[in-house]
């Protein structure tokens, strides 16, 4: 009995990478997380808990359980003891790769309930976003709510969903707070409509909402705001509609962030510099703006101002 208990503990703590690669997956390590992929798509995400054992969820975030449960999900014919063997001694033979499902080319449209919308709006208002801006974002199709999170939506010319970024309202200690839904294409950035003569480019969806509120608070017509998806992302600049918008704008501003370490700051600044260079090559000019020292990003600046703590004038 003690031996079996020790084997169970050992199997749950063993790194499942070798087993998964033997099953035909590729495994990418991201800190305490393993991203389990096939054909470029993430199928599973596995996290090492503080006590050393691993837990898995599927690509939609649904929990599977420990790695023993994952093995039995992948090989339903295995007994519990045989699943232990897979994790402690590896597959007996090299198995054929798991059949690859059809690659999703567009993100799924997740259902939105009244409860989802209520919770999502409460979360965003707690981060300083006004009701008027939320109403505008919802009407434009930029903002939706589903499954415990807020969704920032990038669309094609026909209004179809092409890029959906989900930010969890209350992520667990081992959950990434934001991720892109399967099938998302960053060539189609979420874009919050505003004055087309002034275009701001921010990293995240909450930043875009905050940028609109900052402009309104200063008595300005809110700009059109493009969500790049990150300092290092430039795929959105390949979109013909985005290029047209930038070419016709009187001013384009790339919004920078203040990071917590010098190393991270250098990496983020380098990514924004490359965005600026691409835009300058396209239209000849591009400005940038950084929040005041001690303020992380546009979203934090807006929240502070909403709480009456003030902030510098927006460029």
Protein backbone atom coordinates (compact mmCIF):
# COMPACT_ATOMS: atom_id res chain seq x y z
CA UNK A 1 0.00 0.00 0.00
CA UNK A 2 2.81 2.42 0.91
CA UNK A 3 4.64 1.55 -2.32
CA UNK A 4 1.55 2.27 -4.41
CA UNK A 5 1.03 5.57 -2.60
CA UNK A 6 4.62 6.59 -3.27
CA UNK A 7 4.26 5.66 -6.95
CA UNK A 8 1.13 7.78 -7.23
CA UNK A 9 2.89 10.77 -5.66
CA UNK A 10 5.91 10.22 -7.91
CA UNK A 11 3.82 10.01 -11.07
CA UNK A 12 1.94 13.21 -10.26
CA UNK A 13 5.23 15.04 -9.71
CA UNK A 14 7.07 13.68 -12.74
CA UNK A 15 7.46 16.11 -15.62
CA UNK A 16 5.06 14.78 -18.30
CA UNK A 17 7.07 16.22 -21.23
CA UNK A 18 8.63 12.91 -22.33
CA UNK A 19 5.27 11.14 -22.27
CA UNK A 20 3.54 13.91 -24.24
CA UNK A 21 6.29 14.08 -26.85
CA UNK A 22 5.99 10.32 -27.19
CA UNK A 23 2.31 10.86 -27.95
CA UNK A 24 3.17 13.22 -30.81
CA UNK A 25 2.80 16.60 -29.10
CA UNK A 26 5.35 19.38 -28.88
CA UNK A 27 5.84 20.89 -25.42
CA UNK A 28 6.92 24.45 -24.73
CA UNK A 29 7.97 25.39 -21.19
CA UNK A 30 6.81 28.78 -19.90
CA UNK A 31 8.04 29.09 -16.30
CA UNK A 32 5.87 26.73 -14.21
CA UNK A 33 3.60 26.10 -17.19
CA UNK A 34 3.79 23.66 -20.10
CA UNK A 35 2.05 24.58 -23.34
CA UNK A 36 1.17 21.31 -25.10
CA UNK A 37 0.78 21.85 -28.84
CA UNK A 38 0.17 20.10 -32.12
CA UNK A 39 0.10 21.69 -35.53
CA UNK A 40 0.72 25.14 -34.04
CA UNK A 41 -2.38 25.07 -31.80
CA UNK A 42 -2.35 24.72 -28.02
CA UNK A 43 -4.33 21.64 -26.94
CA UNK A 44 -3.48 21.50 -23.24
CA UNK A 45 -1.89 23.69 -20.58
CA UNK A 46 -0.21 22.06 -17.61
CA UNK A 47 0.92 23.86 -14.46
CA UNK A 48 3.29 22.75 -11.69
CA UNK A 49 1.69 23.52 -8.32
CA UNK A 50 3.58 24.64 -5.22
CA UNK A 51 3.66 21.08 -3.80
CA UNK A 52 5.34 19.79 -6.98
CA UNK A 53 2.48 17.99 -8.69
CA UNK A 54 1.16 18.91 -12.13
CA UNK A 55 -2.44 19.79 -13.09
CA UNK A 56 -3.85 20.07 -16.61
CA UNK A 57 -6.65 21.90 -18.42
CA UNK A 58 -7.80 21.72 -22.03
CA UNK A 59 -7.48 24.50 -24.62
CA UNK A 60 -10.74 26.12 -23.49
CA UNK A 61 -9.63 26.24 -19.85
CA UNK A 62 -11.70 23.31 -18.60
CA UNK A 63 -9.95 21.41 -15.82
CA UNK A 64 -8.80 17.84 -16.49
CA UNK A 65 -7.04 17.04 -13.24
CA UNK A 66 -3.60 15.69 -12.47
CA UNK A 67 -1.33 14.10 -15.06
CA UNK A 68 -2.74 10.63 -14.33
CA UNK A 69 -6.15 11.93 -15.38
CA UNK A 70 -4.57 13.50 -18.46
CA UNK A 71 -2.97 10.19 -19.50
CA UNK A 72 -6.28 8.37 -19.11
CA UNK A 73 -8.02 11.09 -21.14
CA UNK A 74 -5.50 10.61 -23.94
CA UNK A 75 -5.56 6.80 -23.66
CA UNK A 76 -9.00 5.82 -22.33
CA UNK A 77 -8.26 2.09 -22.52
CA UNK A 78 -5.50 2.30 -19.87
CA UNK A 79 -6.09 1.19 -16.31
CA UNK A 80 -5.08 3.41 -13.43
CA UNK A 81 -1.91 1.34 -12.85
CA UNK A 82 -1.00 1.45 -16.54
CA UNK A 83 -1.36 5.23 -16.50
CA UNK A 84 1.10 5.34 -13.58
CA UNK A 85 3.54 3.30 -15.67
CA UNK A 86 3.31 5.79 -18.52
CA UNK A 87 4.40 8.61 -16.22
CA UNK A 88 7.04 6.74 -14.24
CA UNK A 89 8.63 4.54 -16.92
CA UNK A 90 7.38 6.14 -20.14
CA UNK A 91 5.38 4.58 -23.00
CA UNK A 92 6.17 0.93 -23.65
CA UNK A 93 6.41 1.64 -27.39
CA UNK A 94 6.53 4.80 -29.45
CA UNK A 95 2.91 5.52 -30.26
CA UNK A 96 1.43 7.05 -33.36
CA UNK A 97 0.72 10.77 -32.99
CA UNK A 98 -2.71 11.70 -31.71
CA UNK A 99 -4.91 12.45 -34.75
CA UNK A 100 -4.79 16.18 -35.32
CA UNK A 101 -8.17 17.91 -35.32
CA UNK A 102 -8.98 20.39 -38.04
CA UNK A 103 -7.14 23.62 -37.36
CA UNK A 104 -9.47 26.40 -36.21
CA UNK A 105 -9.01 29.41 -38.46
CA UNK A 106 -11.36 31.74 -36.57
CA UNK A 107 -12.07 32.09 -32.86
CA UNK A 108 -15.36 30.63 -31.63
CA UNK A 109 -18.13 33.03 -30.67
CA UNK A 110 -18.59 32.34 -26.96
CA UNK A 111 -22.11 32.77 -25.56
CA UNK A 112 -22.69 35.88 -23.47
CA UNK A 113 -25.18 35.87 -20.59
CA UNK A 114 -26.58 38.72 -18.54
CA UNK A 115 -24.52 37.51 -15.60
CA UNK A 116 -21.36 37.58 -17.76
CA UNK A 117 -22.07 41.17 -18.82
CA UNK A 118 -22.87 42.29 -15.27
CA UNK A 119 -19.68 40.74 -13.87
CA UNK A 120 -17.54 42.05 -16.75
CA UNK A 121 -18.81 45.59 -16.46
CA UNK A 122 -18.32 45.58 -12.68
CA UNK A 123 -14.71 44.41 -13.18
CA UNK A 124 -13.93 47.10 -15.77
CA UNK A 125 -15.63 49.84 -13.76
CA UNK A 126 -13.50 48.71 -10.83
CA UNK A 127 -10.49 49.42 -13.03
CA UNK A 128 -11.71 52.96 -13.62
CA UNK A 129 -13.55 52.63 -16.94
CA UNK A 130 -16.70 54.74 -17.26
CA UNK A 131 -20.14 53.36 -18.08
CA UNK A 132 -20.32 55.60 -21.17
CA UNK A 133 -17.12 54.12 -22.57
CA UNK A 134 -18.33 50.58 -21.86
CA UNK A 135 -21.60 51.34 -23.67
CA UNK A 136 -19.66 52.67 -26.68
CA UNK A 137 -17.31 49.66 -26.71
CA UNK A 138 -20.22 47.21 -26.57
CA UNK A 139 -22.19 48.97 -29.34
CA UNK A 140 -19.14 48.98 -31.63
CA UNK A 141 -18.53 45.25 -31.18
CA UNK A 142 -15.14 45.86 -29.54
CA UNK A 143 -16.18 44.43 -26.16
CA UNK A 144 -17.99 41.24 -25.13
CA UNK A 145 -18.17 39.13 -21.97
CA UNK A 146 -18.09 35.35 -21.48
CA UNK A 147 -16.89 32.57 -19.20
CA UNK A 148 -15.59 34.66 -16.30
CA UNK A 149 -13.76 37.14 -18.49
CA UNK A 150 -13.96 40.18 -20.73
CA UNK A 151 -13.33 39.74 -24.46
CA UNK A 152 -11.67 42.29 -26.74
CA UNK A 153 -12.66 41.54 -30.31
CA UNK A 154 -10.89 42.17 -33.61
CA UNK A 155 -13.08 41.85 -36.70
CA UNK A 156 -12.73 41.63 -40.47
CA UNK A 157 -14.36 43.97 -42.99
CA UNK A 158 -17.60 41.97 -42.78
CA UNK A 159 -17.77 42.16 -38.98
CA UNK A 160 -16.67 38.55 -38.47
CA UNK A 161 -14.66 37.58 -35.38
CA UNK A 162 -11.00 37.12 -36.29
CA UNK A 163 -9.06 37.92 -33.13
CA UNK A 164 -10.37 37.58 -29.55
CA UNK A 165 -8.30 38.31 -26.46
CA UNK A 166 -9.78 37.13 -23.16
CA UNK A 167 -8.87 38.69 -19.81
CA UNK A 168 -10.05 36.76 -16.77
CA UNK A 169 -11.90 38.73 -14.11
CA UNK A 170 -10.58 36.61 -11.22
CA UNK A 171 -7.76 34.31 -12.40
CA UNK A 172 -6.55 31.61 -10.04
CA UNK A 173 -2.99 31.71 -8.67
CA UNK A 174 -1.72 29.42 -11.43
CA UNK A 175 -3.84 30.78 -14.31
CA UNK A 176 -2.55 33.23 -16.91
CA UNK A 177 -4.74 36.35 -16.59
CA UNK A 178 -5.10 36.78 -20.33
CA UNK A 179 -4.86 34.70 -23.48
CA UNK A 180 -5.93 34.70 -27.10
CA UNK A 181 -8.74 32.35 -28.07
CA UNK A 182 -7.80 29.50 -30.42
CA UNK A 183 -7.94 30.57 -34.06
CA UNK A 184 -7.20 34.24 -33.30
CA UNK A 185 -5.23 36.15 -35.94
CA UNK A 186 -3.38 39.23 -34.69
CA UNK A 187 -3.53 40.68 -38.19
CA UNK A 188 -7.04 41.82 -37.16
CA UNK A 189 -6.53 44.04 -34.09
CA UNK A 190 -9.41 44.98 -31.78
CA UNK A 191 -10.11 48.61 -32.68
CA UNK A 192 -12.17 51.02 -30.56
CA UNK A 193 -13.77 53.58 -32.92
CA UNK A 194 -13.15 57.26 -32.38
CA UNK A 195 -11.76 60.27 -34.21
CA UNK A 196 -10.11 58.77 -37.34
CA UNK A 197 -7.75 61.76 -37.62
CA UNK A 198 -6.01 60.74 -34.38
CA UNK A 199 -4.97 57.12 -33.84
CA UNK A 200 -3.47 55.70 -30.67
CA UNK A 201 -1.88 52.27 -30.49
CA UNK A 202 -1.95 50.53 -27.09
CA UNK A 203 -0.99 47.07 -25.88
CA UNK A 204 -4.24 45.83 -24.29
CA UNK A 205 -8.00 46.17 -24.40
CA UNK A 206 -8.32 47.81 -20.98
CA UNK A 207 -5.74 50.38 -22.14
CA UNK A 208 -7.96 51.21 -25.13
CA UNK A 209 -10.99 51.80 -22.91
CA UNK A 210 -8.88 53.91 -20.56
CA UNK A 211 -7.50 55.98 -23.44
CA UNK A 212 -11.02 56.95 -24.44
CA UNK A 213 -11.87 58.02 -20.89
CA UNK A 214 -8.67 60.05 -20.57
CA UNK A 215 -9.52 61.99 -23.74
CA UNK A 216 -13.11 62.63 -22.62
CA UNK A 217 -11.94 63.84 -19.23
CA UNK A 218 -9.74 66.40 -21.00
CA UNK A 219 -12.57 67.60 -23.20
CA UNK A 220 -11.08 66.07 -26.35
CA UNK A 221 -12.74 63.99 -29.05
CA UNK A 222 -11.64 60.41 -28.25
CA UNK A 223 -9.16 58.96 -30.74
CA UNK A 224 -9.50 55.72 -32.64
CA UNK A 225 -7.57 53.17 -30.55
CA UNK A 226 -5.89 50.07 -31.96
CA UNK A 227 -4.98 47.20 -29.61
CA UNK A 228 -1.69 45.76 -30.87
CA UNK A 229 -1.67 42.79 -28.49
CA UNK A 230 1.80 43.58 -27.14
CA UNK A 231 4.90 45.71 -27.61
CA UNK A 232 6.51 43.04 -29.78
CA UNK A 233 3.48 42.54 -32.05
CA UNK A 234 3.54 44.06 -35.55
CA UNK A 235 1.22 41.72 -37.45
CA UNK A 236 -1.62 44.27 -37.20
CA UNK A 237 0.45 46.55 -39.45
CA UNK A 238 0.03 44.03 -42.29
CA UNK A 239 -3.74 44.60 -42.34
CA UNK A 240 -4.72 46.76 -45.36
CA UNK A 241 -7.54 48.44 -43.40
CA UNK A 242 -5.10 49.38 -40.62
CA UNK A 243 -2.61 50.76 -43.15
CA UNK A 244 -5.35 52.90 -44.72
CA UNK A 245 -6.39 54.21 -41.30
CA UNK A 246 -2.81 55.14 -40.42
CA UNK A 247 -2.14 56.79 -43.78
CA UNK A 248 -5.22 59.02 -43.51
CA UNK A 249 -4.68 59.99 -39.86
CA UNK A 250 -3.19 63.36 -39.00
CA UNK A 251 -1.33 61.88 -36.03
CA UNK A 252 -0.46 58.38 -34.83
CA UNK A 253 0.77 57.75 -31.29
CA UNK A 254 2.35 54.54 -29.95
CA UNK A 255 1.69 54.37 -26.20
CA UNK A 256 4.53 52.97 -24.10
CA UNK A 257 4.46 51.22 -20.70
CA UNK A 258 6.62 51.61 -17.60
CA UNK A 259 7.98 48.23 -16.53
CA UNK A 260 9.12 46.99 -13.11
CA UNK A 261 12.70 46.02 -14.07
CA UNK A 262 15.36 47.50 -16.31
CA UNK A 263 15.56 44.29 -18.34
CA UNK A 264 11.83 44.18 -18.97
CA UNK A 265 11.80 47.91 -19.75
CA UNK A 266 14.52 47.49 -22.36
CA UNK A 267 12.66 44.61 -24.02
CA UNK A 268 9.35 46.50 -24.08
CA UNK A 269 10.93 49.70 -25.38
CA UNK A 270 12.70 47.76 -28.14
CA UNK A 271 9.37 46.24 -29.21
CA UNK A 272 7.68 49.65 -29.31
CA UNK A 273 10.65 51.08 -31.20
CA UNK A 274 10.13 48.47 -33.91
CA UNK A 275 6.43 49.34 -34.10
CA UNK A 276 7.35 53.02 -34.47
CA UNK A 277 9.86 52.24 -37.21
CA UNK A 278 7.28 50.26 -39.21
CA UNK A 279 4.73 53.06 -38.93
CA UNK A 280 7.28 55.74 -39.84
CA UNK A 281 8.24 53.71 -42.91
CA UNK A 282 4.57 53.61 -43.89
CA UNK A 283 3.52 57.24 -43.29
CA UNK A 284 6.69 59.19 -42.55
CA UNK A 285 5.93 60.10 -38.94
CA UNK A 286 4.77 58.54 -35.67
CA UNK A 287 4.77 59.96 -32.14
CA UNK A 288 5.04 58.11 -28.85
CA UNK A 289 3.89 58.77 -25.29
CA UNK A 290 4.83 57.32 -21.92
CA UNK A 291 2.79 57.55 -18.68
CA UNK A 292 4.26 59.45 -15.72
CA UNK A 293 6.95 57.77 -13.63
CA UNK A 294 5.45 55.29 -11.20
CA UNK A 295 2.42 54.63 -13.39
CA UNK A 296 2.45 51.30 -15.23
CA UNK A 297 0.23 52.05 -18.22
CA UNK A 298 -2.75 53.93 -19.62
CA UNK A 299 -5.18 51.77 -17.66
CA UNK A 300 -3.51 52.60 -14.33
CA UNK A 301 -3.35 56.30 -15.16
CA UNK A 302 -7.08 56.37 -15.91
CA UNK A 303 -7.90 54.48 -12.70
CA UNK A 304 -5.81 56.87 -10.62
CA UNK A 305 -7.42 59.92 -12.19
CA UNK A 306 -10.85 58.42 -11.62
CA UNK A 307 -9.99 58.06 -7.94
CA UNK A 308 -8.95 61.71 -7.82
CA UNK A 309 -5.20 61.12 -7.66
CA UNK A 310 -4.47 63.15 -10.79
CA UNK A 311 -2.07 62.62 -13.65
CA UNK A 312 -0.13 64.44 -16.34
CA UNK A 313 -1.75 65.94 -19.41
CA UNK A 314 -2.15 63.44 -22.24
CA UNK A 315 -0.04 64.22 -25.28
